Protein backbone atom coordinates (compact mmCIF):
# COMPACT_ATOMS: atom_id res chain seq x y z
CA MET A 1 0.00 0.00 0.00
CA GLU A 2 1.42 3.34 -1.05
CA LEU A 3 1.19 6.44 1.10
CA THR A 4 1.28 10.01 -0.16
CA LYS A 5 3.65 12.64 1.15
CA ALA A 6 0.74 14.35 2.94
CA GLU A 7 -0.22 11.07 4.64
CA LEU A 8 3.35 10.37 5.73
CA GLU A 9 3.79 13.93 7.03
CA LEU A 10 0.58 13.61 9.01
CA LEU A 11 1.69 10.25 10.46
CA HIS A 12 5.04 11.80 11.36
CA GLN A 13 3.31 14.54 13.37
CA ILE A 14 1.07 11.97 15.05
CA GLY A 15 4.18 9.96 15.90
CA MET A 16 5.60 13.10 17.50
CA GLY A 17 2.56 13.27 19.77
CA MET A 18 0.16 15.60 17.98
CA ARG A 19 -3.38 14.23 18.01
CA THR A 20 -5.78 17.11 17.41
CA VAL A 21 -6.90 18.31 14.00
CA SER A 22 -6.12 21.91 14.99
CA SER A 23 -2.55 21.17 16.09
CA LEU A 24 -1.90 19.05 12.99
CA ALA A 25 -3.28 21.77 10.71
CA ALA A 26 -1.01 24.36 12.32
CA ALA A 27 2.08 22.13 12.26
CA LEU A 28 1.60 21.13 8.62
CA HIS A 29 0.41 24.56 7.42
CA LYS A 30 -2.81 23.02 6.08
CA ASN A 31 -6.43 23.85 6.72
CA LYS A 32 -8.61 21.57 8.83
CA THR A 33 -10.48 20.27 5.77
CA GLN A 34 -7.23 18.98 4.29
CA ILE A 35 -6.37 17.27 7.57
CA TYR A 36 -9.80 15.61 7.74
CA ARG A 37 -9.39 14.35 4.15
CA THR A 38 -5.93 12.95 4.84
CA VAL A 39 -7.13 11.28 8.04
CA ALA A 40 -10.09 9.78 6.15
CA ALA A 41 -7.68 8.29 3.59
CA LEU A 42 -5.53 6.84 6.39
CA VAL A 43 -8.63 5.39 8.07
CA THR A 44 -9.58 3.73 4.77
CA LYS A 45 -6.05 2.34 4.45
CA GLY A 46 -6.19 0.99 8.01
CA PHE A 47 -3.54 3.21 9.62
CA LEU A 48 -5.90 5.24 11.82
CA GLU A 49 -9.20 4.43 13.51
CA ASP A 50 -11.29 7.62 13.47
CA ILE A 51 -11.63 11.24 14.57
CA LYS A 52 -13.66 11.88 17.71
CA GLU A 53 -14.29 15.44 18.83
CA GLY A 54 -11.34 16.71 16.80
CA THR A 55 -8.89 14.14 18.16
CA ILE A 56 -7.29 11.44 16.03
CA GLN A 57 -7.88 7.90 17.25
CA ILE A 58 -4.93 5.62 16.60
CA GLY A 59 -5.55 1.91 16.25
CA SER A 60 -3.65 -0.78 18.08
CA LYS A 61 -2.19 -2.41 14.97
CA VAL A 62 1.49 -3.28 15.23
CA HIS A 63 2.39 -1.97 11.77
CA THR A 64 0.88 1.43 12.58
CA SER A 65 2.76 1.68 15.85
CA LEU A 66 6.05 0.73 14.21
CA LEU A 67 5.53 3.18 11.34
CA LEU A 68 4.74 6.03 13.76
CA GLN A 69 7.90 5.27 15.73
CA LEU A 70 10.00 5.07 12.56
CA LEU A 71 8.66 8.36 11.19
CA ALA A 72 9.14 10.11 14.54
CA LYS A 73 12.75 8.98 14.70
CA HIS A 74 13.63 9.32 11.00
CA PRO A 75 11.45 11.95 9.28
CA SER A 76 13.89 12.07 6.36
CA ILE A 77 12.35 8.84 5.00
CA ILE A 78 9.14 10.67 4.11
CA THR A 79 10.34 11.95 0.74
CA PRO A 80 11.83 8.66 -0.54
CA PHE A 81 8.75 6.66 0.52
CA SER A 82 6.07 9.05 -0.72
CA GLY A 83 4.68 8.01 -4.07
CA SER A 84 7.65 5.71 -4.65
CA GLY A 85 5.62 2.59 -5.30
CA ILE A 86 7.25 0.91 -2.31
CA SER A 87 4.67 -0.99 -0.29
CA ILE A 88 4.53 0.13 3.32
CA PHE A 89 2.76 -3.03 4.45
């Protein structure tokens, strides 16, 4: 499954501890609508659970947890992985 640069950047911020739509929008210089769309795509792909009252709900899947940790520690992998055709999982 491929992830876009926007999806990877959002997951990076979530891995850094940001969970609210407002904080993610500010950190990524996007509007809230763009954040909601990106979250919806990640929910469809199985990386996130949902948004409740403006807070992102992260699932308990191992691959999601590992990806969040990897992105938090090595954000420089975002560009090579985004749209590269490399399957994330």
